[in-house]
Amino acid sequence: MDCLGSTLTATYAHPRPTPTNFLPAISTMTSSYRDHFPHYNMTHSLSLPWRPSTYYKVASDSPNLGPYSTRSQKVSESTMLPFVSNRTTLFTRYTPDDWYRSNLTNYQESNTSRHNSERLRVDTSRLIQDKYQQTRKTQADSTQNLGERVNDIGFWKSEIIHELDEMIGETNELTDVKKKLERALMETEAPLQVARECLFHREKRMGIDLVHDEVEAELLQEVDSILCCQERMKLHLDKAVAQLAANRASQHELEKDLHDKQVAHRIDDKCHHLRNTSDGVSYFRGVERVDATVSVPETWAKFTDDNILRSQSERTASAKLRDDIQNLLVVTANEMWNQFNKVNLAFTNRIAETADAKNKIQVHLAKTLQEIFQTEMTIESIRKAIKEKSAFLKVAQTRLDERTRRPNIELCRDMAQLRLVNEVREVDDTIQALQKRLREAEDTLQSLVHTKATLEHDLAVKANTLYIDREKCMGMRKSFPSTLRLVGFC
C-alpha cells in the first residue's frame, strides 16, 4: 500500500474496450478528474484515509466485455438504465496482482509452517533418543566411578592395615630397647666447628644460589649427628620417650583413618549396587545443591598417603634410634666419618653442577646477545614496512576523497568505489597488524634485555658460589680429625 499521490500504474490502467451501448460514457467526468486530481495527486482534493497502490483511468467509449458482449447487444437500449461510476468504489478495489501476491504469500507461509513443524518433529524425536542414551551413559559412568572409588578405598585400607601392624611392632621393640641406654660420648667440638663454619660461609651465597641444597642438608645432618653423639644417656632416653609418643600419635591417626575408610567403604559399596529397581530409591529434592564435601580425590589420597608416610618416617626414625642406642659407642667414629664423606661427595657434586651451570649461562648469554641484535634488526624492518604501507593508504584515501566530489548521479557505488574501500581497509588492517607485531617485537626485545641482565647477574652469583664451596669450605674440611682423636685416644 503506497502513500497518496504515488505514480505507480496498476494492471487496470488500460482496460479492454466495451460496447458503447452497455455502459454509459464517462467522458463527462474527465474534467472533474482533471480538476481535482492533477498529475494523479489526490492529497489536496480527496480526503481518503487510504487508497490502493493503483488507480483507474477513464474507461474507453467502446469497452469489450468478452462473453457478455453478445448478450448485451440483445438488450434493448430503451430498457437499460444509465450507469454512473462510483469513484470511491473504484479507488478501494484490489488489483489482480494484489490478489495473486496474496495467494503466493499464503502458499509460502503454509510451506514454511509445514517445514518448521516437520523439522521440529524430527528434532524432537532425535532429542528424546539422544537424551535417553545420554542418561543411560551418565548412570553407567556414575556406577563405574563408584566401583573405582570402592576399589580405591579398599586399596588404601589394606595399606593402612599393613602400616598399622608394622607401627605396633616397632613401638613394642623401641619400648624394650629404651632400657638399655647407659654410656656417654666424647665431645667432638672440632668437626662440629668445621660443619658450622661451612654453613656460616654458605650463608654468604647470593640470589638464587642461596638454596637448601643437598650439601646444606648433609651439613645440617652432620651437625645433628655430632650433637647427637655428644648427648648423654638421659638425652637418648628423652629421645626414646619422644619417639614413642610420635609412634603412638601416628598409630592413632592410622586407626582413625582406618575407621573412616571402613565406614566409607560400606556406604560406597551400597551406592555401587543400587539400581533403578532397587528398594529404598526415592526423591531427595535439592540434595545436589548441598555440597558437604571437605576434600577432593587428590587431597583425600594425600591425607592417607601422608599418614602412611608419616608412620613410615616415624618407624624409620624409631629403628634408627634403636640402632644408635645399641651401637652408640662402637660406631660413633664411623658414623661421623661416613657423614663427613657424604658431605664431601655432596660438595663435589654441587661444585660440578655449579660449574656446569656457569658454563651454560655463558653460552645462553652469548645467544641472548645475538638474539637481541636480530630482534633490533627485525624492529627496524617492521617500522620500514609500516612506513611503506602508509604511502599506499594515503593514495587510496586520496582517491576516495576525490571521488566524493563527483557531481549528482556520477556518485555511483561502482566497482572502483568498492575496491578502493576494500583497499583502504586491507591496507589499514595490514598497518594495524604490523604495528601489533612491532609492539610484540619491542616487548620481546625488552624481555631479551631483561634476560641478559638476569644471566649476567646469575653468572656473578655462580662465580661467588664456586669460590665459597671450592676455596673456603673444602679448604677447611681438610683438617677433619682422625678416627683415633674422635674415639679419645689422642
Protein backbone atom coordinates (compact mmCIF):
# COMPACT_ATOMS: atom_id res chain seq x y z
CA MET A 1 0.00 0.00 0.00
CA ASP A 2 1.62 3.25 -1.14
CA CYS A 3 1.10 6.78 0.08
CA LEU A 4 -1.35 9.14 -1.61
CA GLY A 5 -0.03 10.79 -4.71
CA SER A 6 2.23 7.96 -5.89
CA THR A 7 2.63 7.45 -9.65
CA LEU A 8 2.54 3.64 -9.75
CA THR A 9 0.45 2.11 -12.57
CA ALA A 10 -1.77 -0.93 -11.96
CA THR A 11 -2.97 -3.52 -14.42
CA TYR A 12 -6.36 -1.78 -14.61
CA ALA A 13 -4.82 1.36 -16.08
CA HIS A 14 -5.70 0.14 -19.63
CA PRO A 15 -8.94 -1.91 -19.60
CA ARG A 16 -10.23 -3.57 -22.72
CA PRO A 17 -12.88 -1.56 -24.65
CA THR A 18 -16.56 -2.35 -24.14
CA PRO A 19 -19.58 -1.66 -26.36
CA THR A 20 -20.94 1.79 -26.09
CA ASN A 21 -24.48 0.56 -25.66
CA PHE A 22 -23.66 -1.42 -22.44
CA LEU A 23 -22.05 1.24 -20.20
CA PRO A 24 -22.63 4.96 -20.43
CA ALA A 25 -19.80 7.15 -21.46
CA ILE A 26 -17.97 8.71 -18.57
CA SER A 27 -16.17 11.31 -20.56
CA THR A 28 -18.22 13.89 -18.74
CA MET A 29 -16.28 13.01 -15.60
CA THR A 30 -12.91 13.69 -17.13
CA SER A 31 -12.97 17.31 -16.23
CA SER A 32 -13.70 16.51 -12.65
CA TYR A 33 -10.71 14.17 -12.55
CA ARG A 34 -8.51 16.78 -14.08
CA ASP A 35 -9.76 19.44 -11.73
CA HIS A 36 -9.41 17.51 -8.51
CA PHE A 37 -6.52 15.14 -9.29
CA PRO A 38 -3.85 16.92 -11.28
CA HIS A 39 -0.97 14.56 -12.14
CA TYR A 40 -2.90 11.87 -10.23
CA ASN A 41 -2.10 13.56 -6.95
CA MET A 42 -5.16 13.28 -4.72
CA THR A 43 -3.69 14.51 -1.46
CA HIS A 44 -5.17 18.02 -1.86
CA SER A 45 -8.68 17.26 -3.14
CA LEU A 46 -9.92 13.90 -1.90
CA SER A 47 -9.86 13.22 1.82
CA LEU A 48 -9.44 9.45 1.81
CA PRO A 49 -7.80 7.64 4.70
CA TRP A 50 -6.13 5.31 2.29
CA ARG A 51 -6.14 4.18 -1.30
CA PRO A 52 -4.82 1.13 -3.17
CA SER A 53 -1.47 1.13 -4.88
CA THR A 54 -3.16 1.54 -8.30
CA TYR A 55 -5.58 3.92 -9.84
CA TYR A 56 -8.06 3.78 -12.69
CA LYS A 57 -8.03 5.70 -15.89
CA VAL A 58 -11.18 6.81 -17.65
CA ALA A 59 -12.80 3.86 -19.39
CA SER A 60 -12.81 3.90 -23.17
CA ASP A 61 -16.00 4.60 -25.16
CA SER A 62 -16.10 1.08 -26.66
CA PRO A 63 -15.26 -1.45 -23.97
CA ASN A 64 -15.06 -5.15 -24.82
CA LEU A 65 -16.93 -7.32 -22.36
CA GLY A 66 -15.79 -10.66 -23.74
CA PRO A 67 -18.51 -13.33 -23.48
CA TYR A 68 -21.10 -10.87 -22.32
CA SER A 69 -20.86 -8.63 -25.37
CA THR A 70 -23.34 -10.66 -27.45
CA ARG A 71 -25.96 -10.77 -24.81
CA SER A 72 -25.56 -7.13 -24.11
CA GLN A 73 -26.25 -6.30 -27.76
CA LYS A 74 -29.58 -8.08 -27.50
CA VAL A 75 -30.70 -5.93 -24.69
CA SER A 76 -32.80 -3.05 -25.87
CA GLU A 77 -31.22 0.26 -25.39
CA SER A 78 -34.52 1.62 -24.21
CA THR A 79 -34.64 -0.88 -21.30
CA MET A 80 -31.10 -0.16 -19.91
CA LEU A 81 -30.57 2.40 -17.23
CA PRO A 82 -27.65 4.79 -17.37
CA PHE A 83 -24.59 3.59 -15.25
CA VAL A 84 -22.81 6.09 -13.14
CA SER A 85 -19.28 5.08 -11.95
CA ASN A 86 -18.67 5.24 -8.22
CA ARG A 87 -15.25 6.83 -7.93
CA THR A 88 -14.75 5.90 -4.31
CA THR A 89 -15.53 2.23 -5.01
CA LEU A 90 -13.03 2.11 -7.85
CA PHE A 91 -10.30 3.54 -5.62
CA THR A 92 -10.89 0.98 -2.86
CA ARG A 93 -10.67 -2.15 -5.05
CA TYR A 94 -7.62 -4.51 -5.19
CA THR A 95 -5.84 -5.36 -8.37
CA PRO A 96 -5.30 -8.88 -9.74
CA ASP A 97 -1.64 -8.52 -8.88
CA ASP A 98 -2.61 -7.91 -5.26
CA TRP A 99 -4.80 -11.00 -5.38
CA TYR A 100 -2.06 -13.19 -6.86
CA ARG A 101 0.52 -11.86 -4.44
CA SER A 102 -1.80 -12.59 -1.52
CA ASN A 103 -2.22 -16.18 -2.71
CA LEU A 104 1.53 -16.66 -3.17
CA THR A 105 2.13 -15.25 0.30
CA ASN A 106 -0.34 -17.71 1.79
CA TYR A 107 1.28 -20.60 -0.09
CA GLN A 108 4.73 -19.65 1.11
CA GLU A 109 3.57 -19.26 4.70
CA SER A 110 1.91 -22.67 4.51
CA ASN A 111 5.09 -24.29 3.15
CA THR A 112 7.20 -22.58 5.81
CA SER A 113 4.88 -23.62 8.63
CA ARG A 114 4.79 -27.24 7.46
CA HIS A 115 8.57 -27.30 7.02
CA ASN A 116 9.13 -25.90 10.52
CA SER A 117 6.69 -28.38 12.01
CA GLU A 118 8.34 -31.33 10.26
CA ARG A 119 11.79 -30.21 11.35
CA LEU A 120 10.54 -29.76 14.93
CA ARG A 121 9.12 -33.29 14.98
CA VAL A 122 12.34 -34.79 13.65
CA ASP A 123 14.49 -32.78 16.08
CA THR A 124 12.23 -33.69 18.99
CA SER A 125 12.44 -37.40 18.21
CA ARG A 126 16.20 -37.21 17.91
CA LEU A 127 16.42 -35.16 21.13
CA ILE A 128 14.42 -37.73 23.08
CA GLN A 129 16.60 -40.58 21.82
CA ASP A 130 19.84 -38.67 22.47
CA LYS A 131 18.82 -37.70 25.99
CA TYR A 132 17.80 -41.29 26.75
CA GLN A 133 21.17 -42.60 25.60
CA GLN A 134 22.96 -39.79 27.44
CA THR A 135 21.09 -40.53 30.69
CA ARG A 136 21.92 -44.23 30.49
CA LYS A 137 25.56 -43.46 29.76
CA THR A 138 25.71 -40.97 32.65
CA GLN A 139 24.30 -43.54 35.08
CA ALA A 140 26.74 -46.17 33.79
CA ASP A 141 29.62 -43.76 34.23
CA SER A 142 28.47 -42.96 37.77
CA THR A 143 28.25 -46.66 38.61
CA GLN A 144 31.71 -47.23 37.18
CA ASN A 145 33.10 -44.30 39.15
CA LEU A 146 31.55 -45.68 42.34
CA GLY A 147 33.13 -49.07 41.63
CA GLU A 148 36.51 -47.45 41.12
CA ARG A 149 36.02 -45.48 44.31
CA VAL A 150 35.26 -48.70 46.25
CA ASN A 151 38.44 -50.27 44.86
CA ASP A 152 40.48 -47.20 45.83
CA ILE A 153 39.14 -47.28 49.37
CA GLY A 154 39.89 -51.00 49.61
CA PHE A 155 43.46 -50.41 48.41
CA TRP A 156 44.12 -47.70 50.99
CA LYS A 157 42.51 -49.85 53.72
CA SER A 158 44.98 -52.63 53.03
CA GLU A 159 47.86 -50.15 53.05
CA ILE A 160 46.75 -48.66 56.37
CA ILE A 161 46.30 -52.11 57.96
CA HIS A 162 49.77 -53.18 56.86
CA GLU A 163 51.39 -49.99 58.11
CA LEU A 164 49.45 -50.16 61.36
CA ASP A 165 50.77 -53.66 62.07
CA GLU A 166 54.31 -52.53 61.30
CA MET A 167 53.96 -49.50 63.60
CA ILE A 168 52.64 -51.56 66.51
CA GLY A 169 55.58 -53.96 66.20
CA GLU A 170 58.12 -51.10 66.02
CA THR A 171 56.63 -49.42 69.09
CA ASN A 172 56.94 -52.59 71.10
CA GLU A 173 60.58 -53.08 70.05
CA LEU A 174 61.50 -49.48 70.92
CA THR A 175 59.96 -49.91 74.35
CA ASP A 176 62.26 -52.85 75.02
CA VAL A 177 65.40 -51.09 73.73
CA LYS A 178 64.81 -47.90 75.74
CA LYS A 179 66.05 -49.58 78.95
CA LYS A 180 69.50 -50.40 77.54
CA LEU A 181 70.96 -46.88 77.31
CA GLU A 182 74.00 -46.33 79.67
CA ARG A 183 77.04 -44.55 78.26
CA ALA A 184 78.22 -41.06 77.38
CA LEU A 185 80.21 -39.97 74.37
CA MET A 186 83.29 -37.87 73.92
CA GLU A 187 82.94 -34.33 72.83
CA THR A 188 83.67 -33.68 69.20
CA GLU A 189 83.97 -29.91 69.01
CA ALA A 190 86.46 -29.79 66.12
CA PRO A 191 84.27 -31.49 63.45
CA LEU A 192 81.23 -29.69 64.82
CA GLN A 193 83.01 -26.36 64.43
CA VAL A 194 84.04 -27.21 60.87
CA ALA A 195 80.47 -28.08 59.89
CA ARG A 196 79.16 -24.88 61.45
CA GLU A 197 81.81 -22.81 59.69
CA CYS A 198 80.83 -24.35 56.37
CA LEU A 199 77.19 -23.48 57.00
CA PHE A 200 78.19 -19.95 58.01
CA HIS A 201 80.26 -19.39 54.85
CA ARG A 202 77.50 -20.84 52.64
CA GLU A 203 75.10 -18.25 54.05
CA LYS A 204 77.13 -15.71 52.07
CA ARG A 205 75.85 -17.15 48.78
CA MET A 206 73.77 -14.68 46.77
CA GLY A 207 70.48 -14.74 44.93
CA ILE A 208 69.09 -17.98 43.63
CA ASP A 209 72.15 -19.93 44.78
CA LEU A 210 71.08 -19.43 48.39
CA VAL A 211 69.13 -22.68 48.31
CA HIS A 212 68.65 -25.54 50.71
CA ASP A 213 70.56 -27.97 48.54
CA GLU A 214 71.93 -31.42 49.23
CA VAL A 215 75.16 -30.01 50.61
CA GLU A 216 73.37 -27.90 53.17
CA ALA A 217 71.13 -30.82 54.10
CA GLU A 218 74.15 -33.05 54.58
CA LEU A 219 75.95 -30.39 56.60
CA LEU A 220 72.93 -30.00 58.85
CA GLN A 221 72.78 -33.75 59.17
CA GLU A 222 76.46 -33.78 60.13
CA VAL A 223 75.90 -31.16 62.82
CA ASP A 224 72.91 -33.08 64.13
CA SER A 225 74.87 -36.31 64.11
CA ILE A 226 77.75 -34.79 66.06
CA LEU A 227 75.36 -33.18 68.54
CA CYS A 228 73.63 -36.50 68.98
CA CYS A 229 76.95 -38.16 69.69
CA GLN A 230 77.58 -35.59 72.45
CA GLU A 231 74.37 -36.30 74.27
CA ARG A 232 74.26 -38.43 77.35
CA MET A 233 72.11 -41.37 78.18
CA LYS A 234 69.40 -39.10 79.55
CA LEU A 235 69.16 -37.34 76.22
CA HIS A 236 68.80 -40.66 74.44
CA LEU A 237 66.17 -41.71 76.94
CA ASP A 238 64.31 -38.47 76.25
CA LYS A 239 64.53 -39.12 72.53
CA ALA A 240 63.18 -42.60 73.03
CA VAL A 241 60.26 -41.23 75.00
CA ALA A 242 59.57 -38.59 72.34
CA GLN A 243 59.84 -41.20 69.60
CA LEU A 244 57.35 -43.44 71.38
CA ALA A 245 54.93 -40.51 71.65
CA ALA A 246 55.33 -39.84 67.92
CA ASN A 247 54.79 -43.51 67.13
CA ARG A 248 51.61 -43.60 69.18
CA ALA A 249 50.38 -40.40 67.51
CA SER A 250 50.94 -41.90 64.06
CA GLN A 251 49.27 -45.10 65.21
CA HIS A 252 46.26 -43.12 66.42
CA GLU A 253 45.97 -41.29 63.09
CA LEU A 254 46.15 -44.59 61.22
CA GLU A 255 43.46 -46.17 63.39
CA LYS A 256 41.18 -43.17 62.96
CA ASP A 257 41.73 -43.13 59.20
CA LEU A 258 41.10 -46.89 59.04
CA HIS A 259 37.77 -46.48 60.84
CA ASP A 260 36.72 -43.74 58.44
CA LYS A 261 37.75 -45.84 55.45
CA GLN A 262 35.65 -48.78 56.69
CA VAL A 263 32.53 -46.61 57.03
CA ALA A 264 33.09 -45.00 53.61
CA HIS A 265 33.70 -48.42 52.01
CA ARG A 266 30.39 -49.73 53.33
CA ILE A 267 28.44 -46.67 52.11
CA ASP A 268 30.04 -46.52 48.66
CA ASP A 269 29.62 -50.28 48.18
CA LYS A 270 25.90 -49.89 48.92
CA CYS A 271 25.64 -46.99 46.44
CA HIS A 272 27.53 -49.01 43.83
CA HIS A 273 24.96 -51.83 43.95
CA LEU A 274 21.91 -49.53 43.78
CA ARG A 275 19.87 -49.85 40.57
CA ASN A 276 16.67 -48.28 39.21
CA THR A 277 14.70 -51.22 40.57
CA SER A 278 16.40 -51.30 44.00
CA ASP A 279 14.48 -50.75 47.22
CA GLY A 280 14.99 -47.53 49.11
CA VAL A 281 15.37 -45.39 45.97
CA SER A 282 13.48 -42.12 46.38
CA TYR A 283 13.50 -38.42 45.58
CA PHE A 284 15.66 -36.12 47.69
CA ARG A 285 14.87 -32.67 46.36
CA GLY A 286 17.77 -30.24 46.40
CA VAL A 287 20.35 -32.79 47.53
CA GLU A 288 22.53 -31.97 44.52
CA ARG A 289 22.79 -28.38 45.75
CA VAL A 290 24.12 -29.45 49.15
CA ASP A 291 27.91 -29.69 49.00
CA ALA A 292 29.12 -31.22 52.27
CA THR A 293 32.44 -32.39 50.86
CA VAL A 294 35.65 -31.34 52.58
CA SER A 295 38.21 -32.81 50.19
CA VAL A 296 38.93 -33.70 46.56
CA PRO A 297 40.39 -37.01 45.32
CA GLU A 298 43.89 -35.56 45.36
CA THR A 299 43.68 -34.26 48.95
CA TRP A 300 41.81 -37.40 50.02
CA ALA A 301 44.55 -39.69 48.75
CA LYS A 302 47.24 -37.30 50.00
CA PHE A 303 45.74 -37.35 53.51
CA THR A 304 46.05 -41.13 53.80
CA ASP A 305 49.37 -41.14 51.99
CA ASP A 306 50.68 -38.50 54.38
CA ASN A 307 49.54 -40.59 57.34
CA ILE A 308 51.31 -43.65 55.93
CA LEU A 309 54.41 -41.64 55.05
CA ARG A 310 54.43 -40.10 58.50
CA SER A 311 54.14 -43.54 60.05
CA GLN A 312 56.88 -44.87 57.81
CA SER A 313 59.05 -41.90 58.67
CA GLU A 314 58.43 -42.40 62.36
CA ARG A 315 59.16 -46.12 62.07
CA THR A 316 62.38 -45.33 60.23
CA ALA A 317 63.41 -42.84 62.90
CA SER A 318 62.50 -45.32 65.61
CA ALA A 319 64.54 -48.10 64.01
CA LYS A 320 67.44 -45.72 63.50
CA LEU A 321 67.20 -44.66 67.13
CA ARG A 322 67.28 -48.28 68.30
CA ASP A 323 70.36 -48.96 66.19
CA ASP A 324 72.04 -45.83 67.50
CA ILE A 325 71.30 -46.85 71.06
CA GLN A 326 72.66 -50.36 70.56
CA ASN A 327 75.84 -49.29 68.74
CA LEU A 328 76.34 -45.86 70.27
CA LEU A 329 79.97 -46.21 71.41
CA VAL A 330 81.14 -48.68 68.75
CA VAL A 331 80.17 -46.86 65.59
CA THR A 332 80.42 -43.19 66.62
CA ALA A 333 83.61 -42.53 64.75
CA ASN A 334 82.45 -44.47 61.71
CA GLU A 335 79.17 -42.57 61.58
CA MET A 336 80.91 -39.21 61.70
CA TRP A 337 83.38 -40.27 59.03
CA ASN A 338 80.59 -41.59 56.85
CA GLN A 339 78.74 -38.34 57.23
CA PHE A 340 81.93 -36.45 56.54
CA ASN A 341 82.39 -38.39 53.29
CA LYS A 342 78.77 -37.75 52.32
CA VAL A 343 79.25 -34.03 52.83
CA ASN A 344 82.42 -34.06 50.76
CA LEU A 345 80.70 -36.02 48.00
CA ALA A 346 77.78 -33.60 48.06
CA PHE A 347 80.23 -30.71 47.88
CA THR A 348 81.98 -32.29 44.89
CA ASN A 349 78.72 -32.88 43.05
CA ARG A 350 77.45 -29.41 43.86
CA ILE A 351 80.66 -27.76 42.69
CA ALA A 352 80.46 -29.70 39.41
CA GLU A 353 76.81 -28.71 38.97
CA THR A 354 77.56 -25.07 39.69
CA ALA A 355 80.48 -25.02 37.23
CA ASP A 356 78.33 -26.65 34.57
CA ALA A 357 75.54 -24.13 35.21
CA LYS A 358 78.05 -21.29 34.92
CA ASN A 359 79.25 -22.55 31.54
CA LYS A 360 75.70 -22.93 30.28
CA ILE A 361 74.84 -19.42 31.44
CA GLN A 362 77.77 -18.07 29.45
CA VAL A 363 76.52 -19.90 26.34
CA HIS A 364 72.97 -18.61 26.83
CA LEU A 365 74.25 -15.11 27.40
CA ALA A 366 76.07 -15.17 24.06
CA LYS A 367 72.95 -16.47 22.31
CA THR A 368 70.83 -13.82 24.02
CA LEU A 369 73.13 -11.05 22.83
CA GLN A 370 72.89 -12.39 19.27
CA GLU A 371 69.10 -12.59 19.51
CA ILE A 372 68.94 -9.01 20.81
CA PHE A 373 70.79 -7.88 17.71
CA GLN A 374 68.46 -9.87 15.42
CA THR A 375 65.37 -8.52 17.19
CA GLU A 376 66.56 -4.94 16.79
CA MET A 377 67.02 -5.55 13.06
CA THR A 378 63.50 -7.02 12.90
CA ILE A 379 62.04 -3.96 14.61
CA GLU A 380 63.70 -1.70 12.07
CA SER A 381 62.32 -3.78 9.18
CA ILE A 382 58.80 -3.64 10.65
CA ARG A 383 58.99 0.13 11.02
CA LYS A 384 60.16 0.41 7.43
CA ALA A 385 57.27 -1.77 6.26
CA ILE A 386 54.75 0.37 8.17
CA LYS A 387 56.18 3.49 6.55
CA GLU A 388 55.86 1.91 3.10
CA LYS A 389 52.25 0.85 3.71
CA SER A 390 51.37 4.38 4.81
CA ALA A 391 52.01 5.62 1.25
CA PHE A 392 49.54 3.08 -0.16
CA LEU A 393 46.96 4.12 2.43
CA LYS A 394 47.38 7.80 1.57
CA VAL A 395 46.85 7.10 -2.15
CA ALA A 396 43.72 5.04 -1.57
CA GLN A 397 42.19 7.54 0.85
CA THR A 398 43.05 10.43 -1.51
CA ARG A 399 41.28 8.62 -4.35
CA LEU A 400 38.21 8.08 -2.21
CA ASP A 401 38.24 11.72 -1.14
CA GLU A 402 38.50 12.91 -4.75
CA ARG A 403 35.66 10.64 -5.87
CA THR A 404 33.34 12.20 -3.29
CA ARG A 405 33.38 15.32 -5.48
CA ARG A 406 31.71 13.62 -8.44
CA PRO A 407 28.54 15.51 -9.37
CA ASN A 408 24.97 14.27 -8.92
CA ILE A 409 24.30 10.83 -10.39
CA GLU A 410 28.00 10.28 -11.00
CA LEU A 411 28.32 9.48 -7.31
CA CYS A 412 27.97 5.83 -8.21
CA ARG A 413 28.87 2.97 -5.89
CA ASP A 414 30.70 1.21 -8.69
CA MET A 415 33.35 -1.48 -8.56
CA ALA A 416 36.08 1.12 -8.41
CA GLN A 417 34.47 2.63 -5.30
CA LEU A 418 34.08 -0.76 -3.64
CA ARG A 419 37.62 -1.78 -4.48
CA LEU A 420 39.01 1.48 -3.11
CA VAL A 421 37.09 0.97 0.14
CA ASN A 422 38.38 -2.58 0.40
CA GLU A 423 41.88 -1.36 -0.37
CA VAL A 424 41.74 1.19 2.44
CA ARG A 425 40.51 -1.47 4.86
CA GLU A 426 43.10 -4.00 3.75
CA VAL A 427 45.97 -1.55 3.97
CA ASP A 428 44.73 -0.28 7.33
CA ASP A 429 44.44 -3.85 8.64
CA THR A 430 47.95 -4.53 7.35
CA ILE A 431 49.29 -1.47 9.15
CA GLN A 432 47.47 -2.46 12.34
CA ALA A 433 48.90 -5.98 12.11
CA LEU A 434 52.40 -4.62 11.53
CA GLN A 435 52.03 -2.20 14.43
CA LYS A 436 50.88 -5.07 16.66
CA ARG A 437 53.84 -7.11 15.54
CA LEU A 438 56.07 -4.11 16.21
CA ARG A 439 54.77 -3.89 19.76
CA GLU A 440 55.33 -7.62 20.20
CA ALA A 441 58.87 -7.30 18.86
CA GLU A 442 59.58 -4.39 21.20
CA ASP A 443 58.19 -6.37 24.14
CA THR A 444 60.36 -9.30 23.09
CA LEU A 445 63.37 -7.03 22.94
CA GLN A 446 62.67 -5.76 26.44
CA SER A 447 62.32 -9.35 27.62
CA LEU A 448 65.63 -10.24 26.00
CA VAL A 449 67.35 -7.28 27.63
CA HIS A 450 65.87 -8.31 30.97
CA THR A 451 67.05 -11.87 30.35
CA LYS A 452 70.52 -10.59 29.53
CA ALA A 453 70.70 -8.69 32.81
CA THR A 454 69.40 -11.74 34.67
CA LEU A 455 72.00 -14.00 33.07
CA GLU A 456 74.81 -11.60 33.86
CA HIS A 457 73.68 -11.37 37.47
CA ASP A 458 73.32 -15.15 37.69
CA LEU A 459 76.81 -15.57 36.26
CA ALA A 460 78.24 -13.44 39.07
CA VAL A 461 76.21 -15.42 41.62
CA LYS A 462 77.57 -18.72 40.33
CA ALA A 463 81.15 -17.44 40.50
CA ASN A 464 80.64 -16.39 44.13
CA THR A 465 79.16 -19.80 44.99
CA LEU A 466 82.07 -21.63 43.40
CA TYR A 467 84.53 -19.56 45.45
CA ILE A 468 82.72 -20.33 48.70
CA ASP A 469 82.25 -24.06 48.13
CA ARG A 470 85.55 -24.84 46.42
CA GLU A 471 88.00 -22.50 48.15
CA LYS A 472 86.67 -21.85 51.63
CA CYS A 473 84.55 -24.87 52.62
CA MET A 474 86.60 -27.62 51.01
CA GLY A 475 89.80 -25.96 52.28
CA MET A 476 88.58 -26.13 55.87
CA ARG A 477 87.35 -29.71 55.61
CA LYS A 478 90.91 -30.95 55.01
CA SER A 479 91.55 -30.53 58.75
CA PHE A 480 88.91 -33.03 59.90
CA PRO A 481 90.25 -35.01 62.93
CA SER A 482 91.34 -38.63 62.65
CA THR A 483 89.46 -41.65 63.99
CA LEU A 484 91.85 -42.03 66.93
CA ARG A 485 91.16 -38.49 68.06
CA LEU A 486 87.42 -38.99 67.65
CA VAL A 487 87.45 -42.00 69.98
CA GLY A 488 89.57 -40.14 72.53
CA PHE A 489 92.91 -41.90 72.23
CA CYS A 490 94.75 -38.66 71.31
